[in-house]
Amino acid sequence: MRGVKKQHLPEKTCAACGRPFAWRKKWERVWNEVRYCSDRCRRKKVGTAVAGR
């Protein structure tokens, strides 16, 4: 990911809240396994996005 501008980073949608989140350096080796945007969403683990957020 070296030399990539922020607007060109890969994005995913959080499995708990449905919000998009971008790639982070700390997820470099496990990006394919990342499903949640934060620890709070990971603890919540709802599985479906909440409409209207």
PDB file of N, CA and C in Angstrom:
ATOM      1  N   MET A   1       0.818  -1.199   0.000  1.00  0.00           N
ATOM      2  CA  MET A   1       0.000   0.000   0.000  1.00  0.00           C
ATOM      3  C   MET A   1       0.857   1.256   0.000  1.00  0.00           C
ATOM      4  N   ARG A   2       2.122   1.147  -0.046  1.00  0.00           N
ATOM      5  CA  ARG A   2       3.007   2.306   0.022  1.00  0.00           C
ATOM      6  C   ARG A   2       2.813   3.227  -1.169  1.00  0.00           C
ATOM      7  N   GLY A   3       2.671   4.504  -0.902  1.00  0.00           N
ATOM      8  CA  GLY A   3       2.544   5.485  -1.967  1.00  0.00           C
ATOM      9  C   GLY A   3       1.144   5.630  -2.522  1.00  0.00           C
ATOM     10  N   VAL A   4       0.136   5.128  -1.834  1.00  0.00           N
ATOM     11  CA  VAL A   4      -1.247   5.211  -2.299  1.00  0.00           C
ATOM     12  C   VAL A   4      -1.934   6.370  -1.597  1.00  0.00           C
ATOM     13  N   LYS A   5      -2.633   7.194  -2.368  1.00  0.00           N
ATOM     14  CA  LYS A   5      -3.350   8.318  -1.774  1.00  0.00           C
ATOM     15  C   LYS A   5      -4.566   7.818  -1.013  1.00  0.00           C
ATOM     16  N   LYS A   6      -4.982   8.586  -0.005  1.00  0.00           N
ATOM     17  CA  LYS A   6      -6.080   8.166   0.860  1.00  0.00           C
ATOM     18  C   LYS A   6      -7.367   7.889   0.101  1.00  0.00           C
ATOM     19  N   GLN A   7      -7.673   8.662  -0.927  1.00  0.00           N
ATOM     20  CA  GLN A   7      -8.920   8.448  -1.657  1.00  0.00           C
ATOM     21  C   GLN A   7      -8.885   7.169  -2.493  1.00  0.00           C
ATOM     22  N   HIS A   8      -7.713   6.555  -2.659  1.00  0.00           N
ATOM     23  CA  HIS A   8      -7.602   5.327  -3.448  1.00  0.00           C
ATOM     24  C   HIS A   8      -7.423   4.078  -2.600  1.00  0.00           C
ATOM     25  N   LEU A   9      -7.562   4.205  -1.283  1.00  0.00           N
ATOM     26  CA  LEU A   9      -7.447   3.037  -0.412  1.00  0.00           C
ATOM     27  C   LEU A   9      -8.691   2.164  -0.550  1.00  0.00           C
ATOM     28  N   PRO A  10      -8.541   0.849  -0.413  1.00  0.00           N
ATOM     29  CA  PRO A  10      -9.710  -0.033  -0.483  1.00  0.00           C
ATOM     30  C   PRO A  10     -10.672   0.234   0.671  1.00  0.00           C
ATOM     31  N   GLU A  11     -11.948   0.016   0.432  1.00  0.00           N
ATOM     32  CA  GLU A  11     -12.976   0.216   1.448  1.00  0.00           C
ATOM     33  C   GLU A  11     -13.820  -1.034   1.608  1.00  0.00           C
ATOM     34  N   LYS A  12     -14.412  -1.166   2.777  1.00  0.00           N
ATOM     35  CA  LYS A  12     -15.369  -2.225   3.083  1.00  0.00           C
ATOM     36  C   LYS A  12     -16.532  -1.606   3.828  1.00  0.00           C
ATOM     37  N   THR A  13     -17.622  -2.351   3.946  1.00  0.00           N
ATOM     38  CA  THR A  13     -18.773  -1.922   4.729  1.00  0.00           C
ATOM     39  C   THR A  13     -18.805  -2.734   6.014  1.00  0.00           C
ATOM     40  N   CYS A  14     -18.988  -2.053   7.117  1.00  0.00           N
ATOM     41  CA  CYS A  14     -19.006  -2.707   8.425  1.00  0.00           C
ATOM     42  C   CYS A  14     -20.205  -3.651   8.519  1.00  0.00           C
ATOM     43  N   ALA A  15     -19.978  -4.856   9.032  1.00  0.00           N
ATOM     44  CA  ALA A  15     -21.037  -5.856   9.158  1.00  0.00           C
ATOM     45  C   ALA A  15     -22.028  -5.508  10.268  1.00  0.00           C
ATOM     46  N   ALA A  16     -21.647  -4.649  11.199  1.00  0.00           N
ATOM     47  CA  ALA A  16     -22.527  -4.303  12.318  1.00  0.00           C
ATOM     48  C   ALA A  16     -23.316  -3.023  12.062  1.00  0.00           C
ATOM     49  N   CYS A  17     -22.637  -1.952  11.657  1.00  0.00           N
ATOM     50  CA  CYS A  17     -23.317  -0.659  11.527  1.00  0.00           C
ATOM     51  C   CYS A  17     -23.615  -0.268  10.084  1.00  0.00           C
ATOM     52  N   GLY A  18     -22.996  -0.921   9.117  1.00  0.00           N
ATOM     53  CA  GLY A  18     -23.266  -0.636   7.712  1.00  0.00           C
ATOM     54  C   GLY A  18     -22.526   0.559   7.154  1.00  0.00           C
ATOM     55  N   ARG A  19     -21.657   1.163   7.930  1.00  0.00           N
ATOM     56  CA  ARG A  19     -20.896   2.325   7.463  1.00  0.00           C
ATOM     57  C   ARG A  19     -19.644   1.872   6.726  1.00  0.00           C
ATOM     58  N   PRO A  20     -19.229   2.625   5.719  1.00  0.00           N
ATOM     59  CA  PRO A  20     -17.989   2.280   5.011  1.00  0.00           C
ATOM     60  C   PRO A  20     -16.770   2.647   5.852  1.00  0.00           C
ATOM     61  N   PHE A  21     -15.713   1.843   5.740  1.00  0.00           N
ATOM     62  CA  PHE A  21     -14.459   2.158   6.409  1.00  0.00           C
ATOM     63  C   PHE A  21     -13.318   1.785   5.479  1.00  0.00           C
ATOM     64  N   ALA A  22     -12.213   2.515   5.610  1.00  0.00           N
ATOM     65  CA  ALA A  22     -11.077   2.354   4.709  1.00  0.00           C
ATOM     66  C   ALA A  22      -9.978   1.509   5.347  1.00  0.00           C
ATOM     67  N   TRP A  23      -9.104   1.018   4.505  1.00  0.00           N
ATOM     68  CA  TRP A  23      -7.947   0.226   4.887  1.00  0.00           C
ATOM     69  C   TRP A  23      -7.091   1.003   5.865  1.00  0.00           C
ATOM     70  N   ARG A  24      -6.528   0.304   6.848  1.00  0.00           N
ATOM     71  CA  ARG A  24      -5.598   0.898   7.811  1.00  0.00           C
ATOM     72  C   ARG A  24      -4.313   0.092   7.821  1.00  0.00           C
ATOM     73  N   LYS A  25      -3.230   0.759   8.108  1.00  0.00           N
ATOM     74  CA  LYS A  25      -1.918   0.111   8.135  1.00  0.00           C
ATOM     75  C   LYS A  25      -1.897  -1.090   9.083  1.00  0.00           C
ATOM     76  N   LYS A  26      -2.570  -0.976  10.241  1.00  0.00           N
ATOM     77  CA  LYS A  26      -2.548  -2.082  11.203  1.00  0.00           C
ATOM     78  C   LYS A  26      -3.303  -3.314  10.700  1.00  0.00           C
ATOM     79  N   TRP A  27      -4.131  -3.145   9.667  1.00  0.00           N
ATOM     80  CA  TRP A  27      -4.867  -4.269   9.083  1.00  0.00           C
ATOM     81  C   TRP A  27      -4.180  -4.813   7.827  1.00  0.00           C
ATOM     82  N   GLU A  28      -2.949  -4.394   7.573  1.00  0.00           N
ATOM     83  CA  GLU A  28      -2.249  -4.736   6.344  1.00  0.00           C
ATOM     84  C   GLU A  28      -2.212  -6.241   6.073  1.00  0.00           C
ATOM     85  N   ARG A  29      -1.928  -7.035   7.081  1.00  0.00           N
ATOM     86  CA  ARG A  29      -1.779  -8.482   6.884  1.00  0.00           C
ATOM     87  C   ARG A  29      -3.073  -9.261   7.026  1.00  0.00           C
ATOM     88  N   VAL A  30      -4.108  -8.647   7.602  1.00  0.00           N
ATOM     89  CA  VAL A  30      -5.361  -9.358   7.850  1.00  0.00           C
ATOM     90  C   VAL A  30      -6.565  -8.683   7.169  1.00  0.00           C
ATOM     91  N   TRP A  31      -6.326  -7.855   6.164  1.00  0.00           N
ATOM     92  CA  TRP A  31      -7.400  -7.094   5.522  1.00  0.00           C
ATOM     93  C   TRP A  31      -8.537  -7.988   5.038  1.00  0.00           C
ATOM     94  N   ASN A  32      -8.246  -9.170   4.544  1.00  0.00           N
ATOM     95  CA  ASN A  32      -9.299 -10.073   4.050  1.00  0.00           C
ATOM     96  C   ASN A  32     -10.193 -10.590   5.171  1.00  0.00           C
ATOM     97  N   GLU A  33      -9.714 -10.551   6.401  1.00  0.00           N
ATOM     98  CA  GLU A  33     -10.470 -11.048   7.553  1.00  0.00           C
ATOM     99  C   GLU A  33     -11.222  -9.951   8.299  1.00  0.00           C
ATOM    100  N   VAL A  34     -10.908  -8.683   8.027  1.00  0.00           N
ATOM    101  CA  VAL A  34     -11.525  -7.559   8.745  1.00  0.00           C
ATOM    102  C   VAL A  34     -12.975  -7.414   8.308  1.00  0.00           C
ATOM    103  N   ARG A  35     -13.905  -7.369   9.292  1.00  0.00           N
ATOM    104  CA  ARG A  35     -15.331  -7.243   8.988  1.00  0.00           C
ATOM    105  C   ARG A  35     -15.983  -6.034   9.659  1.00  0.00           C
ATOM    106  N   TYR A  36     -15.350  -5.536  10.726  1.00  0.00           N
ATOM    107  CA  TYR A  36     -15.951  -4.472  11.524  1.00  0.00           C
ATOM    108  C   TYR A  36     -15.068  -3.226  11.514  1.00  0.00           C
ATOM    109  N   CYS A  37     -15.699  -2.057  11.605  1.00  0.00           N
ATOM    110  CA  CYS A  37     -14.963  -0.794  11.536  1.00  0.00           C
ATOM    111  C   CYS A  37     -14.303  -0.421  12.859  1.00  0.00           C
ATOM    112  N   SER A  38     -14.769  -0.977  13.964  1.00  0.00           N
ATOM    113  CA  SER A  38     -14.226  -0.608  15.276  1.00  0.00           C
ATOM    114  C   SER A  38     -14.414  -1.753  16.267  1.00  0.00           C
ATOM    115  N   ASP A  39     -13.783  -1.614  17.420  1.00  0.00           N
ATOM    116  CA  ASP A  39     -13.954  -2.610  18.488  1.00  0.00           C
ATOM    117  C   ASP A  39     -15.388  -2.623  18.987  1.00  0.00           C
ATOM    118  N   ARG A  40     -16.016  -1.466  19.024  1.00  0.00           N
ATOM    119  CA  ARG A  40     -17.408  -1.379  19.470  1.00  0.00           C
ATOM    120  C   ARG A  40     -18.324  -2.200  18.560  1.00  0.00           C
ATOM    121  N   CYS A  41     -18.157  -2.065  17.261  1.00  0.00           N
ATOM    122  CA  CYS A  41     -18.964  -2.846  16.317  1.00  0.00           C
ATOM    123  C   CYS A  41     -18.630  -4.330  16.395  1.00  0.00           C
ATOM    124  N   ARG A  42     -17.371  -4.642  16.618  1.00  0.00           N
ATOM    125  CA  ARG A  42     -16.973  -6.045  16.729  1.00  0.00           C
ATOM    126  C   ARG A  42     -17.627  -6.700  17.944  1.00  0.00           C
ATOM    127  N   ARG A  43     -17.732  -5.969  19.052  1.00  0.00           N
ATOM    128  CA  ARG A  43     -18.392  -6.495  20.248  1.00  0.00           C
ATOM    129  C   ARG A  43     -19.891  -6.630  20.032  1.00  0.00           C
ATOM    130  N   LYS A  44     -20.462  -5.719  19.263  1.00  0.00           N
ATOM    131  CA  LYS A  44     -21.898  -5.721  19.015  1.00  0.00           C
ATOM    132  C   LYS A  44     -22.304  -6.886  18.117  1.00  0.00           C
ATOM    133  N   LYS A  45     -21.575  -7.133  17.050  1.00  0.00           N
ATOM    134  CA  LYS A  45     -21.776  -8.251  16.117  1.00  0.00           C
ATOM    135  C   LYS A  45     -23.235  -8.483  15.753  1.00  0.00           C
ATOM    136  N   VAL A  46     -23.895  -7.461  15.279  1.00  0.00           N
ATOM    137  CA  VAL A  46     -25.307  -7.561  14.916  1.00  0.00           C
ATOM    138  C   VAL A  46     -25.500  -8.363  13.633  1.00  0.00           C
ATOM    139  N   GLY A  47     -24.598  -8.207  12.676  1.00  0.00           N
ATOM    140  CA  GLY A  47     -24.687  -8.962  11.442  1.00  0.00           C
ATOM    141  C   GLY A  47     -25.497  -8.286  10.355  1.00  0.00           C
ATOM    142  N   THR A  48     -26.451  -7.437  10.714  1.00  0.00           N
ATOM    143  CA  THR A  48     -27.216  -6.691   9.719  1.00  0.00           C
ATOM    144  C   THR A  48     -27.057  -5.211   9.994  1.00  0.00           C
ATOM    145  N   ALA A  49     -27.006  -4.443   8.949  1.00  0.00           N
ATOM    146  CA  ALA A  49     -26.839  -2.990   9.085  1.00  0.00           C
ATOM    147  C   ALA A  49     -28.140  -2.356   9.534  1.00  0.00           C
ATOM    148  N   VAL A  50     -28.020  -1.321  10.349  1.00  0.00           N
ATOM    149  CA  VAL A  50     -29.181  -0.583  10.824  1.00  0.00           C
ATOM    150  C   VAL A  50     -29.542   0.464   9.778  1.00  0.00           C
ATOM    151  N   ALA A  51     -30.793   0.464   9.327  1.00  0.00           N
ATOM    152  CA  ALA A  51     -31.236   1.417   8.312  1.00  0.00           C
ATOM    153  C   ALA A  51     -31.368   2.805   8.912  1.00  0.00           C
ATOM    154  N   GLY A  52     -31.068   3.807   8.106  1.00  0.00           N
ATOM    155  CA  GLY A  52     -31.268   5.182   8.522  1.00  0.00           C
ATOM    156  C   GLY A  52     -30.103   5.823   9.230  1.00  0.00           C
ATOM    157  N   ARG A  53     -28.960   5.187   9.250  1.00  0.00           N
ATOM    158  CA  ARG A  53     -27.783   5.786   9.895  1.00  0.00           C
ATOM    159  C   ARG A  53     -26.877   6.388   8.896  1.00  0.00           C
TER     160      ARG A  53
END
